[in-house]
Amino acid sequence: MRYAVIAVSSIEQQYKGIKTKMKNEGKDVTEMNAEMKEAAIRLLENLAAIDEYSLTDQDKASLGDIVEAALEMFINKR
């Protein structure tokens, strides 16, 4: 979860301006949200590798849900 929080925060900051502009223009951000989730998962995997933490198959199967949970925590803190 620690990696997910870092990853979500980082990705959210990277996409924040673009996403806000798209919303203001009435554009659908669904595809961008999916891209952000995938980017957060890749960053989470990289952070785990940097710490020399081996993600199990069970961990990897749960990454999407973990990123979603971290995103909810991030949104609710605002």
C-alpha atoms as a PDB file:
ATOM      1  CA  MET A   1       0.000   0.000   0.000  1.00  0.00           C
ATOM      2  CA  ARG A   2       2.916   2.326   0.728  1.00  0.00           C
ATOM      3  CA  TYR A   3       4.143   2.003  -2.851  1.00  0.00           C
ATOM      4  CA  ALA A   4       0.615   2.534  -4.169  1.00  0.00           C
ATOM      5  CA  VAL A   5       0.173   5.781  -2.235  1.00  0.00           C
ATOM      6  CA  ILE A   6       3.449   7.126  -3.612  1.00  0.00           C
ATOM      7  CA  ALA A   7       2.594   5.992  -7.139  1.00  0.00           C
ATOM      8  CA  VAL A   8      -0.931   7.445  -7.091  1.00  0.00           C
ATOM      9  CA  SER A   9       0.287  10.777  -5.704  1.00  0.00           C
ATOM     10  CA  SER A  10       2.979  11.012  -8.354  1.00  0.00           C
ATOM     11  CA  ILE A  11       0.724  10.094 -11.266  1.00  0.00           C
ATOM     12  CA  GLU A  12      -2.059  12.370 -10.063  1.00  0.00           C
ATOM     13  CA  GLN A  13       0.356  15.315 -10.023  1.00  0.00           C
ATOM     14  CA  GLN A  14       1.624  14.489 -13.509  1.00  0.00           C
ATOM     15  CA  TYR A  15      -1.859  14.360 -15.027  1.00  0.00           C
ATOM     16  CA  LYS A  16      -3.577  16.994 -12.878  1.00  0.00           C
ATOM     17  CA  GLY A  17      -3.395  19.931 -15.311  1.00  0.00           C
ATOM     18  CA  ILE A  18      -4.373  17.919 -18.357  1.00  0.00           C
ATOM     19  CA  LYS A  19      -7.260  16.242 -16.560  1.00  0.00           C
ATOM     20  CA  THR A  20      -8.607  19.545 -15.227  1.00  0.00           C
ATOM     21  CA  LYS A  21      -8.459  21.095 -18.691  1.00  0.00           C
ATOM     22  CA  MET A  22     -10.281  18.126 -20.218  1.00  0.00           C
ATOM     23  CA  LYS A  23     -12.997  18.245 -17.564  1.00  0.00           C
ATOM     24  CA  ASN A  24     -13.441  21.995 -18.054  1.00  0.00           C
ATOM     25  CA  GLU A  25     -13.861  21.395 -21.788  1.00  0.00           C
ATOM     26  CA  GLY A  26     -16.478  18.720 -21.096  1.00  0.00           C
ATOM     27  CA  LYS A  27     -14.322  15.904 -22.438  1.00  0.00           C
ATOM     28  CA  ASP A  28     -14.499  12.322 -21.175  1.00  0.00           C
ATOM     29  CA  VAL A  29     -11.591  11.453 -18.885  1.00  0.00           C
ATOM     30  CA  THR A  30     -12.398   7.735 -18.573  1.00  0.00           C
ATOM     31  CA  GLU A  31      -9.575   6.685 -20.892  1.00  0.00           C
ATOM     32  CA  MET A  32      -7.144   8.989 -19.100  1.00  0.00           C
ATOM     33  CA  ASN A  33      -8.160   7.498 -15.749  1.00  0.00           C
ATOM     34  CA  ALA A  34      -7.332   4.027 -17.094  1.00  0.00           C
ATOM     35  CA  GLU A  35      -3.956   5.282 -18.362  1.00  0.00           C
ATOM     36  CA  MET A  36      -3.246   6.844 -14.975  1.00  0.00           C
ATOM     37  CA  LYS A  37      -4.076   3.589 -13.211  1.00  0.00           C
ATOM     38  CA  GLU A  38      -1.731   1.625 -15.499  1.00  0.00           C
ATOM     39  CA  ALA A  39       1.031   4.202 -14.978  1.00  0.00           C
ATOM     40  CA  ALA A  40       0.553   3.992 -11.199  1.00  0.00           C
ATOM     41  CA  ILE A  41       0.783   0.192 -11.323  1.00  0.00           C
ATOM     42  CA  ARG A  42       4.033   0.361 -13.346  1.00  0.00           C
ATOM     43  CA  LEU A  43       5.485   2.887 -10.894  1.00  0.00           C
ATOM     44  CA  LEU A  44       4.401   0.734  -7.941  1.00  0.00           C
ATOM     45  CA  GLU A  45       6.195  -2.258  -9.494  1.00  0.00           C
ATOM     46  CA  ASN A  46       9.313  -0.135 -10.065  1.00  0.00           C
ATOM     47  CA  LEU A  47       9.314   1.128  -6.477  1.00  0.00           C
ATOM     48  CA  ALA A  48       9.034  -2.424  -5.164  1.00  0.00           C
ATOM     49  CA  ALA A  49      11.945  -3.473  -7.404  1.00  0.00           C
ATOM     50  CA  ILE A  50      14.077  -0.569  -6.188  1.00  0.00           C
ATOM     51  CA  ASP A  51      13.487  -1.770  -2.620  1.00  0.00           C
ATOM     52  CA  GLU A  52      14.336  -5.299  -3.800  1.00  0.00           C
ATOM     53  CA  TYR A  53      10.856  -6.441  -2.791  1.00  0.00           C
ATOM     54  CA  SER A  54       9.643  -9.346  -4.909  1.00  0.00           C
ATOM     55  CA  LEU A  55       5.985  -9.086  -5.779  1.00  0.00           C
ATOM     56  CA  THR A  56       4.274 -12.471  -5.706  1.00  0.00           C
ATOM     57  CA  ASP A  57       1.727 -13.486  -8.318  1.00  0.00           C
ATOM     58  CA  GLN A  58      -0.911 -12.860  -5.662  1.00  0.00           C
ATOM     59  CA  ASP A  59       0.465  -9.343  -5.091  1.00  0.00           C
ATOM     60  CA  LYS A  60       0.464  -8.642  -8.829  1.00  0.00           C
ATOM     61  CA  ALA A  61      -3.120  -9.855  -9.173  1.00  0.00           C
ATOM     62  CA  SER A  62      -4.170  -7.331  -6.521  1.00  0.00           C
ATOM     63  CA  LEU A  63      -2.252  -4.281  -7.794  1.00  0.00           C
ATOM     64  CA  GLY A  64      -5.235  -2.738  -9.579  1.00  0.00           C
ATOM     65  CA  ASP A  65      -7.354  -2.954  -6.438  1.00  0.00           C
ATOM     66  CA  ILE A  66      -4.527  -1.617  -4.283  1.00  0.00           C
ATOM     67  CA  VAL A  67      -4.048   1.363  -6.590  1.00  0.00           C
ATOM     68  CA  GLU A  68      -7.806   2.028  -6.541  1.00  0.00           C
ATOM     69  CA  ALA A  69      -7.787   1.971  -2.725  1.00  0.00           C
ATOM     70  CA  ALA A  70      -4.814   4.332  -2.592  1.00  0.00           C
ATOM     71  CA  LEU A  71      -6.563   6.651  -5.029  1.00  0.00           C
ATOM     72  CA  GLU A  72      -9.673   6.718  -2.834  1.00  0.00           C
ATOM     73  CA  MET A  73      -7.529   7.550   0.194  1.00  0.00           C
ATOM     74  CA  PHE A  74      -5.794  10.302  -1.799  1.00  0.00           C
ATOM     75  CA  ILE A  75      -9.104  11.813  -2.964  1.00  0.00           C
ATOM     76  CA  ASN A  76     -10.675  11.666   0.497  1.00  0.00           C
ATOM     77  CA  LYS A  77      -7.725  13.510   2.093  1.00  0.00           C
ATOM     78  CA  ARG A  78      -8.352  16.621  -0.021  1.00  0.00           C
END
